[in-house]
C-alpha atoms as a PDB file:
ATOM      1  CA  UNK A   1     124.047 113.026  66.809  1.00  0.00           C
ATOM      2  CA  UNK A   2     122.501 115.896  68.667  1.00  0.00           C
ATOM      3  CA  UNK A   3     120.764 113.983  71.433  1.00  0.00           C
ATOM      4  CA  UNK A   4     121.932 111.661  74.206  1.00  0.00           C
ATOM      5  CA  UNK A   5     119.761 109.271  76.154  1.00  0.00           C
ATOM      6  CA  UNK A   6     120.723 110.911  79.424  1.00  0.00           C
ATOM      7  CA  UNK A   7     119.519 114.266  78.171  1.00  0.00           C
ATOM      8  CA  UNK A   8     116.372 112.673  76.794  1.00  0.00           C
ATOM      9  CA  UNK A   9     115.647 111.082  80.146  1.00  0.00           C
ATOM     10  CA  UNK A  10     115.964 114.433  81.877  1.00  0.00           C
ATOM     11  CA  UNK A  11     113.785 116.165  79.314  1.00  0.00           C
ATOM     12  CA  UNK A  12     111.182 113.407  79.539  1.00  0.00           C
ATOM     13  CA  UNK A  13     110.988 113.760  83.290  1.00  0.00           C
ATOM     14  CA  UNK A  14     110.618 117.533  83.110  1.00  0.00           C
ATOM     15  CA  UNK A  15     108.011 117.477  80.337  1.00  0.00           C
ATOM     16  CA  UNK A  16     106.039 114.633  81.888  1.00  0.00           C
ATOM     17  CA  UNK A  17     105.928 116.488  85.180  1.00  0.00           C
ATOM     18  CA  UNK A  18     104.658 119.568  83.395  1.00  0.00           C
ATOM     19  CA  UNK A  19     101.978 117.560  81.597  1.00  0.00           C
ATOM     20  CA  UNK A  20     100.742 115.935  84.787  1.00  0.00           C
ATOM     21  CA  UNK A  21     100.811 119.102  86.835  1.00  0.00           C
ATOM     22  CA  UNK A  22      99.597 121.340  84.024  1.00  0.00           C
ATOM     23  CA  UNK A  23     102.387 123.833  84.638  1.00  0.00           C
ATOM     24  CA  UNK A  24     103.751 124.381  81.119  1.00  0.00           C
ATOM     25  CA  UNK A  25     102.988 128.113  81.172  1.00  0.00           C
ATOM     26  CA  UNK A  26     100.403 130.806  81.587  1.00  0.00           C
ATOM     27  CA  UNK A  27      99.644 131.060  77.871  1.00  0.00           C
ATOM     28  CA  UNK A  28      97.102 128.242  78.052  1.00  0.00           C
ATOM     29  CA  UNK A  29      94.638 126.682  80.474  1.00  0.00           C
ATOM     30  CA  UNK A  30      96.474 125.210  83.461  1.00  0.00           C
ATOM     31  CA  UNK A  31      94.851 121.791  83.045  1.00  0.00           C
ATOM     32  CA  UNK A  32      95.746 121.397  79.388  1.00  0.00           C
ATOM     33  CA  UNK A  33      98.832 120.057  77.632  1.00  0.00           C
ATOM     34  CA  UNK A  34     100.712 122.646  75.618  1.00  0.00           C
ATOM     35  CA  UNK A  35     101.188 121.622  71.981  1.00  0.00           C
ATOM     36  CA  UNK A  36     103.125 124.316  70.118  1.00  0.00           C
ATOM     37  CA  UNK A  37     103.695 123.521  66.451  1.00  0.00           C
ATOM     38  CA  UNK A  38     106.372 125.360  64.472  1.00  0.00           C
ATOM     39  CA  UNK A  39     106.283 125.355  60.673  1.00  0.00           C
ATOM     40  CA  UNK A  40     107.917 127.375  57.915  1.00  0.00           C
ATOM     41  CA  UNK A  41     104.674 127.148  55.947  1.00  0.00           C
ATOM     42  CA  UNK A  42     102.111 129.913  55.786  1.00  0.00           C
ATOM     43  CA  UNK A  43      98.767 129.942  57.563  1.00  0.00           C
ATOM     44  CA  UNK A  44      97.022 129.135  54.267  1.00  0.00           C
ATOM     45  CA  UNK A  45      99.295 126.193  53.383  1.00  0.00           C
ATOM     46  CA  UNK A  46      97.170 123.031  53.123  1.00  0.00           C
ATOM     47  CA  UNK A  47      99.204 121.349  55.854  1.00  0.00           C
ATOM     48  CA  UNK A  48      98.694 124.285  58.223  1.00  0.00           C
ATOM     49  CA  UNK A  49      94.986 124.427  57.431  1.00  0.00           C
ATOM     50  CA  UNK A  50      94.532 120.702  58.054  1.00  0.00           C
ATOM     51  CA  UNK A  51      96.275 120.909  61.420  1.00  0.00           C
ATOM     52  CA  UNK A  52      94.324 124.002  62.492  1.00  0.00           C
ATOM     53  CA  UNK A  53      90.902 122.859  61.288  1.00  0.00           C
ATOM     54  CA  UNK A  54      91.130 119.142  62.051  1.00  0.00           C
ATOM     55  CA  UNK A  55      93.904 118.324  64.525  1.00  0.00           C
ATOM     56  CA  UNK A  56      93.424 121.268  66.918  1.00  0.00           C
ATOM     57  CA  UNK A  57      89.669 120.811  67.504  1.00  0.00           C
ATOM     58  CA  UNK A  58      90.014 117.038  67.945  1.00  0.00           C
ATOM     59  CA  UNK A  59      92.484 117.397  70.847  1.00  0.00           C
ATOM     60  CA  UNK A  60      90.942 120.542  72.353  1.00  0.00           C
ATOM     61  CA  UNK A  61      89.445 118.770  75.379  1.00  0.00           C
ATOM     62  CA  UNK A  62      92.865 118.160  76.915  1.00  0.00           C
ATOM     63  CA  UNK A  63      95.431 120.030  74.794  1.00  0.00           C
ATOM     64  CA  UNK A  64      96.066 123.627  73.808  1.00  0.00           C
ATOM     65  CA  UNK A  65      97.203 123.523  70.171  1.00  0.00           C
ATOM     66  CA  UNK A  66      99.283 126.605  69.344  1.00  0.00           C
ATOM     67  CA  UNK A  67     100.572 126.769  65.752  1.00  0.00           C
ATOM     68  CA  UNK A  68     103.146 129.301  64.561  1.00  0.00           C
ATOM     69  CA  UNK A  69     103.781 129.954  60.888  1.00  0.00           C
ATOM     70  CA  UNK A  70     106.470 131.245  58.517  1.00  0.00           C
ATOM     71  CA  UNK A  71     109.313 130.158  60.802  1.00  0.00           C
ATOM     72  CA  UNK A  72     108.430 132.768  63.413  1.00  0.00           C
ATOM     73  CA  UNK A  73     109.482 130.915  66.573  1.00  0.00           C
ATOM     74  CA  UNK A  74     111.994 128.482  65.060  1.00  0.00           C
ATOM     75  CA  UNK A  75     113.690 128.890  61.686  1.00  0.00           C
ATOM     76  CA  UNK A  76     113.176 126.268  59.003  1.00  0.00           C
ATOM     77  CA  UNK A  77     115.467 123.326  59.628  1.00  0.00           C
ATOM     78  CA  UNK A  78     115.824 123.931  63.378  1.00  0.00           C
ATOM     79  CA  UNK A  79     112.469 122.538  64.515  1.00  0.00           C
ATOM     80  CA  UNK A  80     113.616 118.948  65.058  1.00  0.00           C
ATOM     81  CA  UNK A  81     116.526 120.084  67.189  1.00  0.00           C
ATOM     82  CA  UNK A  82     114.136 122.275  69.194  1.00  0.00           C
ATOM     83  CA  UNK A  83     111.853 119.317  69.879  1.00  0.00           C
ATOM     84  CA  UNK A  84     114.815 117.138  70.796  1.00  0.00           C
ATOM     85  CA  UNK A  85     116.006 119.756  73.301  1.00  0.00           C
ATOM     86  CA  UNK A  86     112.558 120.038  74.907  1.00  0.00           C
ATOM     87  CA  UNK A  87     111.931 123.569  73.583  1.00  0.00           C
ATOM     88  CA  UNK A  88     109.070 122.662  71.225  1.00  0.00           C
ATOM     89  CA  UNK A  89     106.317 120.068  71.112  1.00  0.00           C
ATOM     90  CA  UNK A  90     105.460 119.586  67.412  1.00  0.00           C
ATOM     91  CA  UNK A  91     106.562 120.261  63.850  1.00  0.00           C
ATOM     92  CA  UNK A  92     105.881 119.220  60.259  1.00  0.00           C
ATOM     93  CA  UNK A  93     109.118 117.509  59.201  1.00  0.00           C
ATOM     94  CA  UNK A  94     110.402 116.403  55.805  1.00  0.00           C
ATOM     95  CA  UNK A  95     112.277 113.236  54.933  1.00  0.00           C
ATOM     96  CA  UNK A  96     115.070 115.486  53.686  1.00  0.00           C
ATOM     97  CA  UNK A  97     115.385 117.067  57.149  1.00  0.00           C
ATOM     98  CA  UNK A  98     115.426 113.692  58.878  1.00  0.00           C
ATOM     99  CA  UNK A  99     118.072 112.501  56.440  1.00  0.00           C
ATOM    100  CA  UNK A 100     120.406 115.158  57.870  1.00  0.00           C
ATOM    101  CA  UNK A 101     120.360 113.131  61.122  1.00  0.00           C
ATOM    102  CA  UNK A 102     119.735 109.661  59.700  1.00  0.00           C
ATOM    103  CA  UNK A 103     121.003 109.211  56.115  1.00  0.00           C
ATOM    104  CA  UNK A 104     118.786 106.183  55.564  1.00  0.00           C
ATOM    105  CA  UNK A 105     115.751 108.515  55.461  1.00  0.00           C
ATOM    106  CA  UNK A 106     116.994 109.694  52.044  1.00  0.00           C
ATOM    107  CA  UNK A 107     115.211 106.694  50.556  1.00  0.00           C
ATOM    108  CA  UNK A 108     111.896 108.461  51.198  1.00  0.00           C
ATOM    109  CA  UNK A 109     113.062 111.510  49.209  1.00  0.00           C
ATOM    110  CA  UNK A 110     114.194 109.488  46.187  1.00  0.00           C
ATOM    111  CA  UNK A 111     112.649 109.340  42.717  1.00  0.00           C
ATOM    112  CA  UNK A 112     109.832 106.811  42.280  1.00  0.00           C
ATOM    113  CA  UNK A 113     110.128 105.331  45.753  1.00  0.00           C
ATOM    114  CA  UNK A 114     106.598 106.473  46.529  1.00  0.00           C
ATOM    115  CA  UNK A 115     104.175 105.817  43.674  1.00  0.00           C
ATOM    116  CA  UNK A 116     101.209 107.908  44.828  1.00  0.00           C
ATOM    117  CA  UNK A 117      99.501 109.305  47.936  1.00  0.00           C
ATOM    118  CA  UNK A 118      97.990 105.949  48.921  1.00  0.00           C
ATOM    119  CA  UNK A 119     101.376 104.260  48.579  1.00  0.00           C
ATOM    120  CA  UNK A 120     102.879 106.840  50.958  1.00  0.00           C
ATOM    121  CA  UNK A 121     100.337 105.866  53.607  1.00  0.00           C
ATOM    122  CA  UNK A 122     100.878 102.144  53.035  1.00  0.00           C
ATOM    123  CA  UNK A 123     104.643 102.560  53.417  1.00  0.00           C
ATOM    124  CA  UNK A 124     104.353 104.691  56.550  1.00  0.00           C
ATOM    125  CA  UNK A 125     102.027 102.188  58.245  1.00  0.00           C
ATOM    126  CA  UNK A 126     103.971  99.079  57.196  1.00  0.00           C
ATOM    127  CA  UNK A 127     106.297  97.274  59.625  1.00  0.00           C
ATOM    128  CA  UNK A 128     109.224  98.208  57.361  1.00  0.00           C
ATOM    129  CA  UNK A 129     108.952 101.727  58.839  1.00  0.00           C
ATOM    130  CA  UNK A 130     109.246 100.513  62.432  1.00  0.00           C
ATOM    131  CA  UNK A 131     113.077 100.641  62.592  1.00  0.00           C
ATOM    132  CA  UNK A 132     113.067 104.130  61.038  1.00  0.00           C
ATOM    133  CA  UNK A 133     110.478 105.410  63.517  1.00  0.00           C
ATOM    134  CA  UNK A 134     112.249 103.731  66.444  1.00  0.00           C
ATOM    135  CA  UNK A 135     115.567 105.339  65.580  1.00  0.00           C
ATOM    136  CA  UNK A 136     113.988 108.807  65.474  1.00  0.00           C
ATOM    137  CA  UNK A 137     112.352 108.166  68.854  1.00  0.00           C
ATOM    138  CA  UNK A 138     115.460 106.702  70.484  1.00  0.00           C
ATOM    139  CA  UNK A 139     118.029 109.175  69.199  1.00  0.00           C
ATOM    140  CA  UNK A 140     116.058 112.388  68.691  1.00  0.00           C
ATOM    141  CA  UNK A 141     113.207 111.885  71.152  1.00  0.00           C
ATOM    142  CA  UNK A 142     110.651 112.514  68.398  1.00  0.00           C
ATOM    143  CA  UNK A 143     107.586 110.459  67.514  1.00  0.00           C
ATOM    144  CA  UNK A 144     106.404 110.432  63.893  1.00  0.00           C
ATOM    145  CA  UNK A 145     102.610 110.367  64.048  1.00  0.00           C
ATOM    146  CA  UNK A 146     101.422 110.404  60.455  1.00  0.00           C
ATOM    147  CA  UNK A 147     102.439 111.155  56.867  1.00  0.00           C
ATOM    148  CA  UNK A 148     101.214 114.212  54.916  1.00  0.00           C
ATOM    149  CA  UNK A 149     100.987 114.369  51.115  1.00  0.00           C
ATOM    150  CA  UNK A 150     102.615 117.382  49.435  1.00  0.00           C
ATOM    151  CA  UNK A 151     102.092 116.557  45.785  1.00  0.00           C
ATOM    152  CA  UNK A 152     103.643 114.927  42.721  1.00  0.00           C
ATOM    153  CA  UNK A 153     106.419 116.652  40.801  1.00  0.00           C
ATOM    154  CA  UNK A 154     105.868 116.676  37.040  1.00  0.00           C
ATOM    155  CA  UNK A 155     108.057 117.583  34.048  1.00  0.00           C
ATOM    156  CA  UNK A 156     106.999 120.885  32.427  1.00  0.00           C
ATOM    157  CA  UNK A 157     108.491 121.699  28.979  1.00  0.00           C
ATOM    158  CA  UNK A 158     108.711 124.618  26.532  1.00  0.00           C
ATOM    159  CA  UNK A 159     108.441 122.355  23.495  1.00  0.00           C
ATOM    160  CA  UNK A 160     105.026 121.375  22.181  1.00  0.00           C
ATOM    161  CA  UNK A 161     104.046 117.723  22.189  1.00  0.00           C
ATOM    162  CA  UNK A 162     104.331 117.745  18.379  1.00  0.00           C
ATOM    163  CA  UNK A 163     107.961 118.831  18.725  1.00  0.00           C
ATOM    164  CA  UNK A 164     108.788 116.452  21.566  1.00  0.00           C
ATOM    165  CA  UNK A 165     106.685 113.636  22.965  1.00  0.00           C
ATOM    166  CA  UNK A 166     108.143 112.187  26.167  1.00  0.00           C
ATOM    167  CA  UNK A 167     107.173 108.589  26.834  1.00  0.00           C
ATOM    168  CA  UNK A 168     110.466 107.133  28.153  1.00  0.00           C
ATOM    169  CA  UNK A 169     113.615 108.519  29.835  1.00  0.00           C
ATOM    170  CA  UNK A 170     115.574 108.457  26.584  1.00  0.00           C
ATOM    171  CA  UNK A 171     113.118 111.001  25.165  1.00  0.00           C
ATOM    172  CA  UNK A 172     114.510 113.579  27.611  1.00  0.00           C
ATOM    173  CA  UNK A 173     118.059 113.233  26.281  1.00  0.00           C
ATOM    174  CA  UNK A 174     119.547 116.682  25.728  1.00  0.00           C
ATOM    175  CA  UNK A 175     116.655 118.485  27.442  1.00  0.00           C
ATOM    176  CA  UNK A 176     118.003 121.175  29.773  1.00  0.00           C
ATOM    177  CA  UNK A 177     115.750 120.595  32.754  1.00  0.00           C
ATOM    178  CA  UNK A 178     115.964 123.107  35.575  1.00  0.00           C
ATOM    179  CA  UNK A 179     116.353 121.331  38.905  1.00  0.00           C
ATOM    180  CA  UNK A 180     117.255 122.720  42.348  1.00  0.00           C
ATOM    181  CA  UNK A 181     121.014 123.080  42.736  1.00  0.00           C
ATOM    182  CA  UNK A 182     121.867 120.439  45.341  1.00  0.00           C
ATOM    183  CA  UNK A 183     123.659 117.243  44.359  1.00  0.00           C
ATOM    184  CA  UNK A 184     120.622 115.121  45.211  1.00  0.00           C
ATOM    185  CA  UNK A 185     118.300 117.132  42.962  1.00  0.00           C
ATOM    186  CA  UNK A 186     120.820 117.213  40.108  1.00  0.00           C
ATOM    187  CA  UNK A 187     121.238 113.451  40.420  1.00  0.00           C
ATOM    188  CA  UNK A 188     117.471 112.997  40.120  1.00  0.00           C
ATOM    189  CA  UNK A 189     117.358 115.166  36.988  1.00  0.00           C
ATOM    190  CA  UNK A 190     120.064 113.078  35.348  1.00  0.00           C
ATOM    191  CA  UNK A 191     118.346 109.862  36.460  1.00  0.00           C
ATOM    192  CA  UNK A 192     115.196 111.021  34.652  1.00  0.00           C
ATOM    193  CA  UNK A 193     117.238 111.105  31.454  1.00  0.00           C
ATOM    194  CA  UNK A 194     117.540 114.892  31.168  1.00  0.00           C
ATOM    195  CA  UNK A 195     120.475 117.305  31.324  1.00  0.00           C
ATOM    196  CA  UNK A 196     119.875 118.870  34.762  1.00  0.00           C
ATOM    197  CA  UNK A 197     120.539 122.590  34.984  1.00  0.00           C
ATOM    198  CA  UNK A 198     120.820 124.368  38.368  1.00  0.00           C
ATOM    199  CA  UNK A 199     118.893 127.618  38.542  1.00  0.00           C
ATOM    200  CA  UNK A 200     117.407 129.671  41.372  1.00  0.00           C
ATOM    201  CA  UNK A 201     113.663 129.225  41.646  1.00  0.00           C
ATOM    202  CA  UNK A 202     113.136 132.972  41.304  1.00  0.00           C
ATOM    203  CA  UNK A 203     114.775 132.827  37.856  1.00  0.00           C
ATOM    204  CA  UNK A 204     112.798 129.912  36.424  1.00  0.00           C
ATOM    205  CA  UNK A 205     110.014 131.902  34.713  1.00  0.00           C
ATOM    206  CA  UNK A 206     112.547 134.091  32.893  1.00  0.00           C
ATOM    207  CA  UNK A 207     114.712 131.074  32.094  1.00  0.00           C
ATOM    208  CA  UNK A 208     111.759 129.318  30.474  1.00  0.00           C
ATOM    209  CA  UNK A 209     110.720 132.484  28.648  1.00  0.00           C
ATOM    210  CA  UNK A 210     114.166 133.067  27.121  1.00  0.00           C
ATOM    211  CA  UNK A 211     115.006 129.416  26.482  1.00  0.00           C
ATOM    212  CA  UNK A 212     117.875 129.366  28.969  1.00  0.00           C
ATOM    213  CA  UNK A 213     116.253 126.102  30.127  1.00  0.00           C
ATOM    214  CA  UNK A 214     113.899 123.788  28.250  1.00  0.00           C
ATOM    215  CA  UNK A 215     111.795 122.864  31.238  1.00  0.00           C
ATOM    216  CA  UNK A 216     111.360 122.582  34.986  1.00  0.00           C
ATOM    217  CA  UNK A 217     109.807 120.161  37.466  1.00  0.00           C
ATOM    218  CA  UNK A 218     107.259 121.010  40.151  1.00  0.00           C
ATOM    219  CA  UNK A 219     103.798 119.959  41.336  1.00  0.00           C
ATOM    220  CA  UNK A 220     100.902 121.315  39.277  1.00  0.00           C
ATOM    221  CA  UNK A 221      99.827 123.834  41.957  1.00  0.00           C
ATOM    222  CA  UNK A 222     103.264 125.457  41.642  1.00  0.00           C
ATOM    223  CA  UNK A 223     103.040 125.519  37.831  1.00  0.00           C
ATOM    224  CA  UNK A 224      99.777 127.425  38.112  1.00  0.00           C
ATOM    225  CA  UNK A 225     100.762 129.628  41.045  1.00  0.00           C
ATOM    226  CA  UNK A 226     103.971 130.768  39.298  1.00  0.00           C
ATOM    227  CA  UNK A 227     102.258 130.988  35.877  1.00  0.00           C
ATOM    228  CA  UNK A 228     104.804 128.695  34.247  1.00  0.00           C
ATOM    229  CA  UNK A 229     102.017 127.671  31.860  1.00  0.00           C
ATOM    230  CA  UNK A 230     102.451 131.060  30.182  1.00  0.00           C
ATOM    231  CA  UNK A 231     105.933 130.113  28.942  1.00  0.00           C
ATOM    232  CA  UNK A 232     105.604 126.336  28.460  1.00  0.00           C
ATOM    233  CA  UNK A 233     103.523 124.067  26.240  1.00  0.00           C
ATOM    234  CA  UNK A 234     103.297 120.666  27.891  1.00  0.00           C
ATOM    235  CA  UNK A 235     103.140 118.782  31.175  1.00  0.00           C
ATOM    236  CA  UNK A 236     104.489 115.236  31.267  1.00  0.00           C
ATOM    237  CA  UNK A 237     102.887 113.521  34.262  1.00  0.00           C
ATOM    238  CA  UNK A 238     106.016 111.695  35.343  1.00  0.00           C
ATOM    239  CA  UNK A 239     105.118 111.905  39.059  1.00  0.00           C
ATOM    240  CA  UNK A 240     108.796 111.229  39.658  1.00  0.00           C
ATOM    241  CA  UNK A 241     108.773 112.441  43.243  1.00  0.00           C
ATOM    242  CA  UNK A 242     105.711 112.021  45.461  1.00  0.00           C
ATOM    243  CA  UNK A 243     106.750 114.443  48.170  1.00  0.00           C
ATOM    244  CA  UNK A 244     105.802 114.116  51.833  1.00  0.00           C
ATOM    245  CA  UNK A 245     106.042 115.501  55.347  1.00  0.00           C
ATOM    246  CA  UNK A 246     105.652 113.834  58.718  1.00  0.00           C
ATOM    247  CA  UNK A 247     103.625 115.138  61.658  1.00  0.00           C
ATOM    248  CA  UNK A 248     106.263 115.036  64.405  1.00  0.00           C
ATOM    249  CA  UNK A 249     105.764 115.249  68.180  1.00  0.00           C
ATOM    250  CA  UNK A 250     108.000 115.248  71.219  1.00  0.00           C
ATOM    251  CA  UNK A 251     108.215 111.669  72.505  1.00  0.00           C
ATOM    252  CA  UNK A 252     108.495 113.040  76.038  1.00  0.00           C
ATOM    253  CA  UNK A 253     105.194 114.869  75.667  1.00  0.00           C
ATOM    254  CA  UNK A 254     103.621 111.778  74.124  1.00  0.00           C
ATOM    255  CA  UNK A 255     104.848 109.595  76.998  1.00  0.00           C
ATOM    256  CA  UNK A 256     103.335 112.041  79.491  1.00  0.00           C
ATOM    257  CA  UNK A 257      99.830 111.543  78.080  1.00  0.00           C
ATOM    258  CA  UNK A 258      97.299 108.967  79.170  1.00  0.00           C
ATOM    259  CA  UNK A 259      96.503 106.079  76.828  1.00  0.00           C
ATOM    260  CA  UNK A 260      93.190 107.721  75.893  1.00  0.00           C
ATOM    261  CA  UNK A 261      94.922 111.012  75.133  1.00  0.00           C
ATOM    262  CA  UNK A 262      97.527 109.251  73.001  1.00  0.00           C
ATOM    263  CA  UNK A 263      94.785 107.494  71.049  1.00  0.00           C
ATOM    264  CA  UNK A 264      93.010 110.796  70.439  1.00  0.00           C
ATOM    265  CA  UNK A 265      96.193 112.545  69.320  1.00  0.00           C
ATOM    266  CA  UNK A 266      96.986 109.702  66.926  1.00  0.00           C
ATOM    267  CA  UNK A 267      93.464 109.775  65.515  1.00  0.00           C
ATOM    268  CA  UNK A 268      93.637 113.564  65.127  1.00  0.00           C
ATOM    269  CA  UNK A 269      96.991 113.414  63.324  1.00  0.00           C
ATOM    270  CA  UNK A 270      95.719 110.766  60.912  1.00  0.00           C
ATOM    271  CA  UNK A 271      92.532 112.743  60.283  1.00  0.00           C
ATOM    272  CA  UNK A 272      94.459 115.959  59.613  1.00  0.00           C
ATOM    273  CA  UNK A 273      96.806 114.155  57.227  1.00  0.00           C
ATOM    274  CA  UNK A 274      93.862 112.597  55.385  1.00  0.00           C
ATOM    275  CA  UNK A 275      92.070 115.941  55.111  1.00  0.00           C
ATOM    276  CA  UNK A 276      95.114 117.654  53.633  1.00  0.00           C
ATOM    277  CA  UNK A 277      95.751 114.705  51.324  1.00  0.00           C
ATOM    278  CA  UNK A 278      92.195 114.752  49.944  1.00  0.00           C
ATOM    279  CA  UNK A 279      92.276 118.504  49.316  1.00  0.00           C
ATOM    280  CA  UNK A 280      95.669 118.386  47.601  1.00  0.00           C
ATOM    281  CA  UNK A 281      94.615 115.508  45.351  1.00  0.00           C
ATOM    282  CA  UNK A 282      91.420 117.350  44.436  1.00  0.00           C
ATOM    283  CA  UNK A 283      93.409 120.469  43.617  1.00  0.00           C
ATOM    284  CA  UNK A 284      95.883 118.547  41.469  1.00  0.00           C
ATOM    285  CA  UNK A 285      93.028 116.915  39.579  1.00  0.00           C
ATOM    286  CA  UNK A 286      91.241 120.184  38.889  1.00  0.00           C
ATOM    287  CA  UNK A 287      94.418 121.845  37.642  1.00  0.00           C
ATOM    288  CA  UNK A 288      94.801 119.374  34.779  1.00  0.00           C
ATOM    289  CA  UNK A 289      91.619 120.777  33.238  1.00  0.00           C
ATOM    290  CA  UNK A 290      92.769 124.334  33.877  1.00  0.00           C
ATOM    291  CA  UNK A 291      96.119 123.750  32.189  1.00  0.00           C
ATOM    292  CA  UNK A 292      94.460 122.086  29.195  1.00  0.00           C
ATOM    293  CA  UNK A 293      92.192 125.114  28.900  1.00  0.00           C
ATOM    294  CA  UNK A 294      95.350 127.227  28.629  1.00  0.00           C
ATOM    295  CA  UNK A 295      96.292 125.230  25.529  1.00  0.00           C
ATOM    296  CA  UNK A 296      98.804 122.912  27.203  1.00  0.00           C
ATOM    297  CA  UNK A 297      99.198 119.219  26.442  1.00  0.00           C
ATOM    298  CA  UNK A 298      98.956 117.146  29.625  1.00  0.00           C
ATOM    299  CA  UNK A 299      99.653 113.424  29.359  1.00  0.00           C
ATOM    300  CA  UNK A 300     101.122 110.425  31.166  1.00  0.00           C
ATOM    301  CA  UNK A 301     104.286 108.700  29.875  1.00  0.00           C
ATOM    302  CA  UNK A 302     105.360 105.094  30.415  1.00  0.00           C
ATOM    303  CA  UNK A 303     105.658 105.325  34.180  1.00  0.00           C
ATOM    304  CA  UNK A 304     107.079 101.838  34.594  1.00  0.00           C
ATOM    305  CA  UNK A 305     109.883 102.673  32.168  1.00  0.00           C
ATOM    306  CA  UNK A 306     110.689 105.828  34.132  1.00  0.00           C
ATOM    307  CA  UNK A 307     110.471 104.096  37.503  1.00  0.00           C
ATOM    308  CA  UNK A 308     112.727 101.212  36.443  1.00  0.00           C
ATOM    309  CA  UNK A 309     115.301 103.537  34.881  1.00  0.00           C
ATOM    310  CA  UNK A 310     115.440 106.016  37.762  1.00  0.00           C
ATOM    311  CA  UNK A 311     115.687 103.398  40.489  1.00  0.00           C
ATOM    312  CA  UNK A 312     118.452 101.641  38.563  1.00  0.00           C
ATOM    313  CA  UNK A 313     120.481 104.873  38.645  1.00  0.00           C
ATOM    314  CA  UNK A 314     120.244 105.007  42.432  1.00  0.00           C
ATOM    315  CA  UNK A 315     121.287 101.400  43.050  1.00  0.00           C
ATOM    316  CA  UNK A 316     124.975 101.424  43.875  1.00  0.00           C
ATOM    317  CA  UNK A 317     125.109 105.219  44.156  1.00  0.00           C
ATOM    318  CA  UNK A 318     126.274 107.175  47.207  1.00  0.00           C
ATOM    319  CA  UNK A 319     122.648 108.071  47.907  1.00  0.00           C
ATOM    320  CA  UNK A 320     121.678 104.411  48.257  1.00  0.00           C
ATOM    321  CA  UNK A 321     124.665 103.411  50.383  1.00  0.00           C
ATOM    322  CA  UNK A 322     122.802 104.135  53.648  1.00  0.00           C
ATOM    323  CA  UNK A 323     119.574 102.336  52.730  1.00  0.00           C
ATOM    324  CA  UNK A 324     118.906  99.189  54.786  1.00  0.00           C
ATOM    325  CA  UNK A 325     119.161  96.067  52.666  1.00  0.00           C
ATOM    326  CA  UNK A 326     115.875  94.946  51.158  1.00  0.00           C
ATOM    327  CA  UNK A 327     113.865  98.042  52.110  1.00  0.00           C
ATOM    328  CA  UNK A 328     113.507  99.362  48.546  1.00  0.00           C
ATOM    329  CA  UNK A 329     112.145  95.994  47.437  1.00  0.00           C
ATOM    330  CA  UNK A 330     109.654  95.991  50.325  1.00  0.00           C
ATOM    331  CA  UNK A 331     108.510  99.511  49.422  1.00  0.00           C
ATOM    332  CA  UNK A 332     108.051  98.559  45.768  1.00  0.00           C
ATOM    333  CA  UNK A 333     106.064  95.482  46.773  1.00  0.00           C
ATOM    334  CA  UNK A 334     103.514  97.685  48.551  1.00  0.00           C
ATOM    335  CA  UNK A 335     102.779  99.550  45.312  1.00  0.00           C
ATOM    336  CA  UNK A 336     100.420  98.713  42.486  1.00  0.00           C
END
């Protein structure tokens, strides 16, 4: 583990002193708390926009929110370590990143654990998350403020619906489905019932065009942005991974704030997350019509059949070995 309590105590003292005295640097007003956020996303990414347009203004009375984009001040994957070391105040962190420190977080990056955007929020705010949040605070010195919705990954196929209608996992048997190349992604592809095929993202359009792969999985905004609809004929709304990020903040900075400031920061984080969530859901909804206008079939399979099958593949696997006992059942119980 990269952090020790002794180091955290020292960092907390230094940061708290800076917050109280207003001496964090000359780049912002001396009486304001510096809140630098590092993200690998672009300035136009919905998460970045929500933080800039909602979070920043809501904390402006006492904090100087300073976002940086495209990994300019800290490379992707190094932000949590930077916060832990006291070199950064905020980031937008994924469950996959947290799982590098705490393997049990892999449950939140697993197929069909989250059912939809509302379920993500219910899980994050439920007491079942308390031990996860506490461990991140105690061992990394990072407070998870709120959960952000990234979108639902769907199965996108070259075959027409007349050639292949996918209602249950067994319908994907023999389908060469492009998935990212890591073991976790390949496992998910197999759990869906397909034959997962690793392929660089930059090669997917050509792979679909030539038939090197039969399909790929991504959220609808990616299907449209990358024009995959030009070389495919159907979208199966499997929603097999409801992806998320967490708004993360230095616990030392948080502890240095007054109770009123903490309440405002929490309210601002929740409001930013809700704003981004609403816009992403609206975009996903509008893209169904767009894709249908392009001649694609867009339909929902038997989601319960997919969810039951996929989760059964994880039970007893190496990916589930770190999950606390009973947590998956508690997460499922919060769903519809």
